[in-house]
C-alpha atoms as a PDB file:
ATOM      1  CA  UNK A   1       4.521   2.767   6.223  1.00  0.00           C
ATOM      2  CA  UNK A   2       4.523  -0.029   8.744  1.00  0.00           C
ATOM      3  CA  UNK A   3       7.384  -2.314   9.697  1.00  0.00           C
ATOM      4  CA  UNK A   4       7.007  -5.486  11.765  1.00  0.00           C
ATOM      5  CA  UNK A   5       9.490  -8.354  12.204  1.00  0.00           C
ATOM      6  CA  UNK A   6      10.930  -8.426   8.706  1.00  0.00           C
ATOM      7  CA  UNK A   7       7.739  -7.241   7.025  1.00  0.00           C
ATOM      8  CA  UNK A   8       7.362  -3.738   5.554  1.00  0.00           C
ATOM      9  CA  UNK A   9       4.223  -2.159   4.077  1.00  0.00           C
ATOM     10  CA  UNK A  10       3.499   1.090   2.277  1.00  0.00           C
ATOM     11  CA  UNK A  11      -0.155   2.141   2.385  1.00  0.00           C
ATOM     12  CA  UNK A  12      -2.144   4.798   0.590  1.00  0.00           C
ATOM     13  CA  UNK A  13      -5.561   5.799   1.959  1.00  0.00           C
ATOM     14  CA  UNK A  14      -7.932   8.016  -0.005  1.00  0.00           C
ATOM     15  CA  UNK A  15     -11.527   9.171  -0.018  1.00  0.00           C
ATOM     16  CA  UNK A  16     -11.075  10.681  -3.500  1.00  0.00           C
ATOM     17  CA  UNK A  17      -9.316   7.901  -5.415  1.00  0.00           C
ATOM     18  CA  UNK A  18     -10.080   4.226  -5.882  1.00  0.00           C
ATOM     19  CA  UNK A  19      -7.597   1.446  -5.339  1.00  0.00           C
ATOM     20  CA  UNK A  20      -7.734   0.798  -9.081  1.00  0.00           C
ATOM     21  CA  UNK A  21      -6.896   4.420  -9.911  1.00  0.00           C
ATOM     22  CA  UNK A  22      -3.901   4.328  -7.546  1.00  0.00           C
ATOM     23  CA  UNK A  23      -2.711   1.126  -9.218  1.00  0.00           C
ATOM     24  CA  UNK A  24      -3.046   2.753 -12.621  1.00  0.00           C
ATOM     25  CA  UNK A  25      -1.337   5.959 -11.479  1.00  0.00           C
ATOM     26  CA  UNK A  26       1.670   4.120  -9.997  1.00  0.00           C
ATOM     27  CA  UNK A  27       1.712   1.380 -12.646  1.00  0.00           C
ATOM     28  CA  UNK A  28       2.298  -1.031  -9.783  1.00  0.00           C
ATOM     29  CA  UNK A  29       0.051  -3.852  -8.560  1.00  0.00           C
ATOM     30  CA  UNK A  30      -0.762  -3.736  -4.839  1.00  0.00           C
ATOM     31  CA  UNK A  31      -0.541  -6.606  -2.399  1.00  0.00           C
ATOM     32  CA  UNK A  32      -3.939  -5.519  -1.076  1.00  0.00           C
ATOM     33  CA  UNK A  33      -6.566  -3.045  -2.233  1.00  0.00           C
ATOM     34  CA  UNK A  34      -9.959  -2.087  -0.826  1.00  0.00           C
ATOM     35  CA  UNK A  35     -12.538   0.339  -2.137  1.00  0.00           C
ATOM     36  CA  UNK A  36     -14.719   2.820  -0.261  1.00  0.00           C
ATOM     37  CA  UNK A  37     -17.773   1.029   1.095  1.00  0.00           C
ATOM     38  CA  UNK A  38     -16.256  -2.448   1.232  1.00  0.00           C
ATOM     39  CA  UNK A  39     -16.811  -4.120   4.600  1.00  0.00           C
ATOM     40  CA  UNK A  40     -13.886  -4.066   7.021  1.00  0.00           C
ATOM     41  CA  UNK A  41     -12.884  -7.015   9.119  1.00  0.00           C
ATOM     42  CA  UNK A  42     -11.594 -10.475   8.594  1.00  0.00           C
ATOM     43  CA  UNK A  43     -14.896 -11.988   7.463  1.00  0.00           C
ATOM     44  CA  UNK A  44     -16.264  -9.032   5.522  1.00  0.00           C
ATOM     45  CA  UNK A  45     -18.931  -8.332   8.108  1.00  0.00           C
ATOM     46  CA  UNK A  46     -17.507  -5.135   9.578  1.00  0.00           C
ATOM     47  CA  UNK A  47     -18.563  -1.564   9.008  1.00  0.00           C
ATOM     48  CA  UNK A  48     -18.063  -0.135   5.511  1.00  0.00           C
ATOM     49  CA  UNK A  49     -14.648   1.321   4.766  1.00  0.00           C
ATOM     50  CA  UNK A  50     -14.573   5.120   4.625  1.00  0.00           C
ATOM     51  CA  UNK A  51     -11.355   5.109   2.558  1.00  0.00           C
ATOM     52  CA  UNK A  52      -9.939   3.297  -0.407  1.00  0.00           C
ATOM     53  CA  UNK A  53      -6.789   1.409   0.560  1.00  0.00           C
ATOM     54  CA  UNK A  54      -3.803   0.522  -1.613  1.00  0.00           C
ATOM     55  CA  UNK A  55      -1.041  -1.441   0.110  1.00  0.00           C
ATOM     56  CA  UNK A  56       2.269  -2.879  -1.068  1.00  0.00           C
ATOM     57  CA  UNK A  57       3.885  -5.430   1.264  1.00  0.00           C
ATOM     58  CA  UNK A  58       7.357  -6.926   1.184  1.00  0.00           C
ATOM     59  CA  UNK A  59       8.928  -9.571   3.420  1.00  0.00           C
ATOM     60  CA  UNK A  60      12.627  -9.843   4.150  1.00  0.00           C
ATOM     61  CA  UNK A  61      14.811 -12.805   4.939  1.00  0.00           C
ATOM     62  CA  UNK A  62      18.399 -13.550   5.855  1.00  0.00           C
ATOM     63  CA  UNK A  63      20.368 -12.206   8.799  1.00  0.00           C
ATOM     64  CA  UNK A  64      18.686  -8.772   8.674  1.00  0.00           C
ATOM     65  CA  UNK A  65      15.108  -9.435   7.493  1.00  0.00           C
ATOM     66  CA  UNK A  66      13.882  -5.950   8.320  1.00  0.00           C
ATOM     67  CA  UNK A  67      16.633  -4.341   6.235  1.00  0.00           C
ATOM     68  CA  UNK A  68      15.846  -6.715   3.366  1.00  0.00           C
ATOM     69  CA  UNK A  69      12.102  -5.949   3.530  1.00  0.00           C
ATOM     70  CA  UNK A  70      12.688  -2.191   3.532  1.00  0.00           C
ATOM     71  CA  UNK A  71      15.176  -2.437   0.673  1.00  0.00           C
ATOM     72  CA  UNK A  72      12.719  -4.505  -1.381  1.00  0.00           C
ATOM     73  CA  UNK A  73       9.980  -1.941  -0.769  1.00  0.00           C
ATOM     74  CA  UNK A  74      12.239   0.966  -1.676  1.00  0.00           C
ATOM     75  CA  UNK A  75      13.303  -0.755  -4.908  1.00  0.00           C
ATOM     76  CA  UNK A  76       9.644  -0.934  -5.957  1.00  0.00           C
ATOM     77  CA  UNK A  77       9.308   2.838  -5.675  1.00  0.00           C
ATOM     78  CA  UNK A  78      12.685   3.803  -7.128  1.00  0.00           C
ATOM     79  CA  UNK A  79      11.999   6.091 -10.099  1.00  0.00           C
ATOM     80  CA  UNK A  80       8.376   6.599  -9.046  1.00  0.00           C
ATOM     81  CA  UNK A  81       8.997   9.594  -6.783  1.00  0.00           C
ATOM     82  CA  UNK A  82       7.055  12.019  -8.991  1.00  0.00           C
ATOM     83  CA  UNK A  83       4.156   9.582  -9.275  1.00  0.00           C
ATOM     84  CA  UNK A  84       4.016   9.264  -5.496  1.00  0.00           C
ATOM     85  CA  UNK A  85       4.088  13.048  -5.187  1.00  0.00           C
ATOM     86  CA  UNK A  86       1.164  13.221  -7.613  1.00  0.00           C
ATOM     87  CA  UNK A  87      -0.969  11.338  -5.087  1.00  0.00           C
ATOM     88  CA  UNK A  88      -0.343  13.878  -2.328  1.00  0.00           C
ATOM     89  CA  UNK A  89      -3.359  16.117  -3.028  1.00  0.00           C
ATOM     90  CA  UNK A  90      -5.888  13.303  -3.294  1.00  0.00           C
ATOM     91  CA  UNK A  91      -4.729  10.965  -0.531  1.00  0.00           C
END
């Protein structure tokens, strides 16, 4: 998980699963996904990715944007604890 100025992200990295399989497993669309072998970098010219990436990002607003971003991210995963645990062995 990363947290920066009212922005929170939860990331899953895997050499065994694809971004699509993580999406299917969690029944949740990512903000960003990348497959093994896709070029890294802003312009797609970097070295190939060694891991699949699945990332869910949430932004917060108001007086406490960080709290709002974290709460929004936690709401997405509420009730999905067992599904997240099911990723543990392959990520």
